[in-house]
Amino acid sequence: MIKASNLTMHYGPVVALDNVSFEVNKGEIVGLLGPNGAGKSTTMKILTTYLYPSGGTAMVGGVDVLQDPVKVRKSIGYLPEVLPLYMDMEVKGYLEFVGRARGLTGSHLKQRMDAVVQATGLTPMFRKVIRELSKGFRQRTALAQALIHDPEVIILDEPTSGLDPHQILEIRDLVANLAKEKTVILSTHILHEVETTAHRIVIINRGQIVGNGTIDELRHRAKDAERLSFSAVGDKADLQRKLSGVEGVKEVEYVADVDGCPSFLLYSPHGKNIWREVSQMAQQQQWQVRELAEKPLSLEETFLTLTEKAAQGHY
């Protein structure tokens, strides 16, 4: 549905994008993840034909953004980070205006307005002036305008920025429902947001893609070692010394005391599972084990590892 090929963008001497390539399949929610200034918004502006790239190209629904930008715009619903709202208009009048600008008229316009108002939960605010709305309802109104023409592709730039936790959950559920019929690109710098929403993640940093895959695939790529979480009743120093002697253990990291029991992270070489060896040691020592479980990298650890490796030129 979306294919970016070697996208490059220069703002004078500043390289905002450097040969960025990725694809988004129909029905996917793909999260563009990266810190502020990484190149996420620039990528989205190119996909929506708001900006022309310095190099490379992109296809949306099989249409080249450079060759036929008008056709691309018809297939896209775009929610930019700065909401495109007219504060002195009512929600009703604003959606009518956007719908007509999109070529909708008569019963079709009414049908689409009813559909997006219901989908975004705007019914109680339908006759309210936009400037009187809370930030959450303004966000919903801006999202409604992106959906009014029933586009195939939805592009959302920081859709939960500045919202409270309750509003974030509502927008997250709405995005998940959209993906049942649409293709969604969601940009954010909030790690938990993309982890709970996206099917796949593209990590971008300093204008370059440093990771592309599911969360599990990215974790596998990022990790340099296997990790076990271990906790048992006993003396911290004694437990740490004996765990360090287990075959395959290359490091024992003390974490904290949990309910009075020392807790550790045990590291072993990549691909080497030491669960059995640690379990045997625990049985021999007759330890009262509270926890023995794999400890995968968090998304935050994955993100930091991949971006640091990219900065060091490992990718």
Protein backbone atom coordinates (compact mmCIF):
# COMPACT_ATOMS: atom_id res chain seq x y z
CA MET A 1 0.00 0.00 0.00
CA ILE A 2 2.90 2.38 0.83
CA LYS A 3 6.44 2.06 -0.43
CA ALA A 4 9.18 4.57 0.32
CA SER A 5 12.38 4.18 -1.68
CA ASN A 6 15.63 5.93 -0.75
CA LEU A 7 13.88 9.05 0.52
CA THR A 8 16.33 11.86 1.12
CA MET A 9 15.56 15.35 2.39
CA HIS A 10 17.94 18.26 2.81
CA TYR A 11 17.09 21.51 4.57
CA GLY A 12 20.08 23.48 3.38
CA PRO A 13 23.12 21.77 4.93
CA VAL A 14 20.95 19.73 7.32
CA VAL A 15 20.16 16.16 6.24
CA ALA A 16 16.70 15.37 7.64
CA LEU A 17 16.35 12.04 5.80
CA ASP A 18 19.15 9.87 4.44
CA ASN A 19 18.07 7.13 1.98
CA VAL A 20 15.02 5.99 3.96
CA SER A 21 13.22 2.93 2.58
CA PHE A 22 10.32 0.95 4.03
CA GLU A 23 6.95 -0.56 3.12
CA VAL A 24 3.53 -0.67 4.76
CA ASN A 25 1.11 -3.42 3.79
CA LYS A 26 -2.63 -3.06 3.51
CA GLY A 27 -4.38 -3.37 6.88
CA GLU A 28 -1.20 -2.79 8.92
CA ILE A 29 -0.62 -0.30 11.70
CA VAL A 30 3.02 0.67 11.39
CA GLY A 31 4.59 2.87 14.03
CA LEU A 32 7.29 5.36 13.10
CA LEU A 33 9.29 5.57 16.29
CA GLY A 34 12.05 8.01 17.05
CA PRO A 35 13.12 10.97 19.17
CA ASN A 36 12.11 14.53 18.34
CA GLY A 37 13.94 15.66 15.22
CA ALA A 38 14.58 12.12 13.98
CA GLY A 39 12.82 12.66 10.63
CA LYS A 40 9.37 11.21 11.36
CA SER A 41 7.35 14.30 10.45
CA THR A 42 9.44 14.93 7.34
CA THR A 43 8.72 11.39 6.16
CA MET A 44 5.00 11.88 6.68
CA LYS A 45 4.99 15.22 4.91
CA ILE A 46 6.60 13.58 1.88
CA LEU A 47 4.07 10.74 1.89
CA THR A 48 1.22 13.26 2.01
CA THR A 49 2.81 15.36 -0.80
CA TYR A 50 3.19 18.33 1.56
CA LEU A 51 6.93 18.25 0.82
CA TYR A 52 8.85 17.05 -2.21
CA PRO A 53 11.96 15.02 -1.32
CA SER A 54 15.46 16.01 -2.34
CA GLY A 55 15.91 12.47 -3.58
CA GLY A 56 14.12 9.13 -3.83
CA THR A 57 10.40 8.63 -4.15
CA ALA A 58 7.35 7.08 -2.54
CA MET A 59 4.29 5.20 -3.77
CA VAL A 60 0.90 5.32 -2.07
CA GLY A 61 -1.65 2.82 -3.38
CA GLY A 62 0.53 2.31 -6.43
CA VAL A 63 0.62 6.04 -7.23
CA ASP A 64 3.88 8.00 -7.25
CA VAL A 65 3.76 11.00 -4.90
CA LEU A 66 5.83 13.00 -7.38
CA GLN A 67 4.01 12.00 -10.56
CA ASP A 68 0.39 12.34 -9.40
CA PRO A 69 0.21 14.09 -6.01
CA VAL A 70 -3.48 15.00 -6.36
CA LYS A 71 -4.47 11.36 -6.71
CA VAL A 72 -2.33 10.48 -3.69
CA ARG A 73 -4.06 13.16 -1.59
CA LYS A 74 -7.46 11.69 -2.45
CA SER A 75 -6.46 8.34 -0.96
CA ILE A 76 -4.93 9.74 2.25
CA GLY A 77 -6.37 11.05 5.50
CA TYR A 78 -3.76 13.12 7.34
CA LEU A 79 -3.66 14.24 10.96
CA PRO A 80 -0.63 16.54 11.32
CA GLU A 81 0.95 17.29 14.68
CA VAL A 82 -0.36 20.88 14.51
CA LEU A 83 -4.11 20.38 14.28
CA PRO A 84 -5.69 21.87 11.11
CA LEU A 85 -8.69 23.43 12.87
CA TYR A 86 -10.62 26.68 12.41
CA MET A 87 -11.30 27.69 16.00
CA ASP A 88 -14.31 29.95 15.28
CA MET A 89 -16.27 27.24 13.44
CA GLU A 90 -18.64 24.72 14.96
CA VAL A 91 -17.66 21.07 14.66
CA LYS A 92 -20.63 20.57 12.31
CA GLY A 93 -19.69 23.47 10.05
CA TYR A 94 -16.03 22.52 10.04
CA LEU A 95 -16.69 18.92 8.99
CA GLU A 96 -19.12 20.11 6.31
CA PHE A 97 -16.45 22.48 5.01
CA VAL A 98 -13.77 19.78 4.89
CA GLY A 99 -16.19 17.29 3.32
CA ARG A 100 -17.13 19.71 0.55
CA ALA A 101 -13.47 20.52 -0.03
CA ARG A 102 -12.99 16.79 -0.48
CA GLY A 103 -15.74 16.72 -3.11
CA LEU A 104 -18.55 15.29 -0.98
CA THR A 105 -22.09 16.58 -1.46
CA GLY A 106 -25.70 15.82 -0.55
CA SER A 107 -26.59 12.52 1.08
CA HIS A 108 -23.05 11.19 0.70
CA LEU A 109 -21.67 14.09 2.71
CA LYS A 110 -24.28 13.59 5.43
CA GLN A 111 -23.59 9.86 5.53
CA ARG A 112 -19.85 10.41 5.95
CA MET A 113 -20.35 13.11 8.59
CA ASP A 114 -22.61 10.82 10.60
CA ALA A 115 -20.09 8.00 10.30
CA VAL A 116 -17.03 9.97 11.45
CA VAL A 117 -18.91 11.76 14.24
CA GLN A 118 -20.02 8.40 15.61
CA ALA A 119 -16.58 6.82 15.14
CA THR A 120 -14.79 9.65 16.93
CA GLY A 121 -17.37 10.15 19.68
CA LEU A 122 -18.12 13.74 18.69
CA THR A 123 -21.92 13.56 18.94
CA PRO A 124 -22.22 15.62 22.17
CA MET A 125 -19.89 18.29 20.70
CA PHE A 126 -21.40 18.46 17.23
CA ARG A 127 -22.79 22.00 17.63
CA LYS A 128 -19.97 23.32 19.80
CA VAL A 129 -17.49 25.96 18.63
CA ILE A 130 -14.08 24.31 18.28
CA ARG A 131 -12.26 26.81 20.49
CA GLU A 132 -14.58 25.75 23.36
CA LEU A 133 -13.58 22.10 23.08
CA SER A 134 -11.09 20.32 25.33
CA LYS A 135 -7.79 19.24 23.78
CA GLY A 136 -9.09 15.68 23.55
CA PHE A 137 -12.18 16.68 21.57
CA ARG A 138 -10.11 18.96 19.35
CA GLN A 139 -7.94 15.95 18.59
CA ARG A 140 -11.05 13.92 17.76
CA THR A 141 -12.33 16.70 15.49
CA ALA A 142 -9.02 16.82 13.63
CA LEU A 143 -9.11 13.05 13.28
CA ALA A 144 -12.69 13.22 11.98
CA GLN A 145 -11.58 15.57 9.19
CA ALA A 146 -8.90 13.06 8.20
CA LEU A 147 -11.57 10.35 7.88
CA ILE A 148 -14.38 12.32 6.28
CA HIS A 149 -13.67 11.15 2.71
CA ASP A 150 -13.20 7.49 3.75
CA PRO A 151 -9.52 7.24 2.70
CA GLU A 152 -7.62 4.00 2.29
CA VAL A 153 -4.56 5.29 4.13
CA ILE A 154 -4.50 7.14 7.46
CA ILE A 155 -1.34 9.04 8.45
CA LEU A 156 -1.23 10.22 12.05
CA ASP A 157 1.56 12.45 13.33
CA GLU A 158 1.79 12.35 17.15
CA PRO A 159 -1.99 11.73 17.53
CA THR A 160 -1.89 11.53 21.34
CA SER A 161 0.48 14.43 21.98
CA GLY A 162 -0.62 16.40 25.03
CA LEU A 163 -3.56 14.16 25.90
CA ASP A 164 -4.28 12.77 29.35
CA PRO A 165 -4.14 8.98 29.96
CA HIS A 166 -7.89 8.53 29.50
CA GLN A 167 -7.88 10.41 26.20
CA ILE A 168 -4.86 8.43 25.01
CA LEU A 169 -6.73 5.16 25.58
CA GLU A 170 -9.70 6.45 23.60
CA ILE A 171 -7.56 7.51 20.63
CA ARG A 172 -5.65 4.22 20.79
CA ASP A 173 -8.89 2.22 20.60
CA LEU A 174 -10.07 4.36 17.71
CA VAL A 175 -6.83 3.76 15.78
CA ALA A 176 -7.12 0.00 16.38
CA ASN A 177 -10.65 0.04 14.97
CA LEU A 178 -9.53 2.02 11.93
CA ALA A 179 -6.95 -0.63 11.09
CA LYS A 180 -9.68 -3.19 10.50
CA GLU A 181 -10.37 -1.48 7.19
CA LYS A 182 -7.53 1.00 6.68
CA THR A 183 -3.76 1.16 6.46
CA VAL A 184 -2.34 3.30 9.24
CA ILE A 185 1.03 4.98 9.78
CA LEU A 186 1.40 6.33 13.28
CA SER A 187 4.34 8.48 14.34
CA THR A 188 5.29 8.98 17.95
CA HIS A 189 8.25 9.35 20.30
CA ILE A 190 6.28 7.65 23.10
CA LEU A 191 7.58 4.08 23.30
CA HIS A 192 4.62 2.57 25.15
CA GLU A 193 2.20 4.11 22.67
CA VAL A 194 3.70 2.41 19.65
CA GLU A 195 4.20 -0.88 21.53
CA THR A 196 0.50 -1.17 22.37
CA THR A 197 -0.81 0.08 19.02
CA ALA A 198 1.41 -0.94 16.11
CA HIS A 199 1.72 -4.29 14.36
CA ARG A 200 5.20 -3.38 13.19
CA ILE A 201 7.73 -0.68 14.09
CA VAL A 202 10.10 1.37 11.97
CA ILE A 203 12.71 3.05 14.17
CA ILE A 204 14.21 6.19 12.70
CA ASN A 205 17.04 8.19 14.20
CA ARG A 206 19.00 11.10 12.75
CA GLY A 207 17.27 10.62 9.42
CA GLN A 208 18.14 6.93 9.06
CA ILE A 209 16.20 3.73 9.68
CA VAL A 210 17.90 1.74 12.41
CA GLY A 211 15.21 -0.91 12.90
CA ASN A 212 12.25 -2.34 10.98
CA GLY A 213 10.15 -5.26 12.15
CA THR A 214 7.85 -6.59 14.84
CA ILE A 215 8.74 -5.90 18.45
CA ASP A 216 10.05 -9.46 18.87
CA GLU A 217 12.16 -9.17 15.71
CA LEU A 218 13.67 -5.89 16.87
CA ARG A 219 14.40 -7.32 20.31
CA HIS A 220 16.15 -10.30 18.75
CA ARG A 221 18.24 -7.98 16.59
CA ALA A 222 19.15 -5.69 19.47
CA LYS A 223 20.11 -8.16 22.14
CA ASP A 224 23.72 -9.18 22.62
CA ALA A 225 22.99 -11.72 25.35
CA GLU A 226 20.24 -13.87 26.85
CA ARG A 227 18.80 -12.75 30.18
CA LEU A 228 17.12 -14.58 33.04
CA SER A 229 15.45 -12.94 36.00
CA PHE A 230 16.20 -14.82 39.23
CA SER A 231 15.09 -14.29 42.83
CA ALA A 232 15.43 -16.55 45.86
CA VAL A 233 15.52 -16.52 49.64
CA GLY A 234 19.10 -16.21 50.88
CA ASP A 235 22.16 -14.06 51.35
CA LYS A 236 22.76 -11.70 48.47
CA ALA A 237 26.55 -12.19 48.28
CA ASP A 238 26.28 -15.99 48.57
CA LEU A 239 23.61 -16.24 45.90
CA GLN A 240 25.54 -13.99 43.55
CA ARG A 241 28.78 -15.94 44.01
CA LYS A 242 27.19 -19.33 43.37
CA LEU A 243 25.13 -18.09 40.42
CA SER A 244 28.32 -16.70 38.86
CA GLY A 245 29.73 -20.22 38.92
CA VAL A 246 26.89 -21.73 36.87
CA GLU A 247 28.05 -22.98 33.47
CA GLY A 248 27.17 -20.49 30.74
CA VAL A 249 26.62 -17.52 33.06
CA LYS A 250 28.84 -14.63 32.00
CA GLU A 251 27.45 -11.96 34.34
CA VAL A 252 25.22 -11.76 37.43
CA GLU A 253 23.70 -8.32 37.98
CA TYR A 254 22.07 -7.51 41.29
CA VAL A 255 18.78 -5.68 40.72
CA ALA A 256 17.03 -5.18 44.07
CA ASP A 257 15.51 -6.92 47.04
CA VAL A 258 11.94 -7.99 46.30
CA ASP A 259 9.96 -8.82 49.45
CA GLY A 260 13.24 -9.37 51.23
CA CYS A 261 14.63 -11.68 48.54
CA PRO A 262 17.62 -10.65 46.39
CA SER A 263 16.77 -10.37 42.71
CA PHE A 264 19.30 -10.74 39.89
CA LEU A 265 19.63 -10.60 36.13
CA LEU A 266 21.71 -13.49 34.75
CA TYR A 267 23.41 -12.95 31.39
CA SER A 268 24.54 -15.72 29.04
CA PRO A 269 25.92 -15.67 25.47
CA HIS A 270 23.46 -14.92 22.67
CA GLY A 271 21.62 -18.16 21.83
CA LYS A 272 22.71 -19.93 25.03
CA ASN A 273 19.75 -20.77 27.31
CA ILE A 274 20.94 -21.39 30.88
CA TRP A 275 17.53 -22.00 32.43
CA ARG A 276 18.22 -25.71 33.03
CA GLU A 277 21.65 -25.12 34.58
CA VAL A 278 20.31 -22.44 36.97
CA SER A 279 17.39 -24.68 37.93
CA GLN A 280 19.75 -27.55 38.73
CA MET A 281 21.90 -25.26 40.88
CA ALA A 282 18.81 -24.10 42.78
CA GLN A 283 17.79 -27.71 43.45
CA GLN A 284 21.28 -28.68 44.62
CA GLN A 285 21.47 -25.69 46.99
CA GLN A 286 17.85 -26.19 48.09
CA TRP A 287 17.09 -22.54 47.44
CA GLN A 288 13.55 -21.27 47.87
CA VAL A 289 13.21 -19.77 44.40
CA ARG A 290 10.74 -16.91 44.01
CA GLU A 291 11.35 -16.23 40.32
CA LEU A 292 13.14 -17.86 37.41
CA ALA A 293 12.01 -16.46 34.06
CA GLU A 294 13.30 -15.12 30.78
CA LYS A 295 13.76 -11.35 30.76
CA PRO A 296 13.39 -9.98 27.22
CA LEU A 297 14.55 -6.49 26.36
CA SER A 298 11.97 -3.78 26.91
CA LEU A 299 11.07 -1.65 23.91
CA GLU A 300 13.00 1.21 25.51
CA GLU A 301 16.13 -0.95 25.83
CA THR A 302 15.65 -2.18 22.26
CA PHE A 303 15.28 1.36 20.94
CA LEU A 304 18.34 2.64 22.80
CA THR A 305 20.47 -0.32 21.74
CA LEU A 306 19.57 -0.02 18.05
CA THR A 307 20.09 3.73 17.94
CA GLU A 308 23.41 3.48 19.80
CA LYS A 309 24.65 0.75 17.46
CA ALA A 310 23.65 2.84 14.46
CA ALA A 311 25.51 5.84 15.88
CA GLN A 312 28.60 3.67 16.30
CA GLY A 313 28.36 2.49 12.68
CA HIS A 314 27.50 -1.13 13.46
CA TYR A 315 24.62 -1.11 10.96
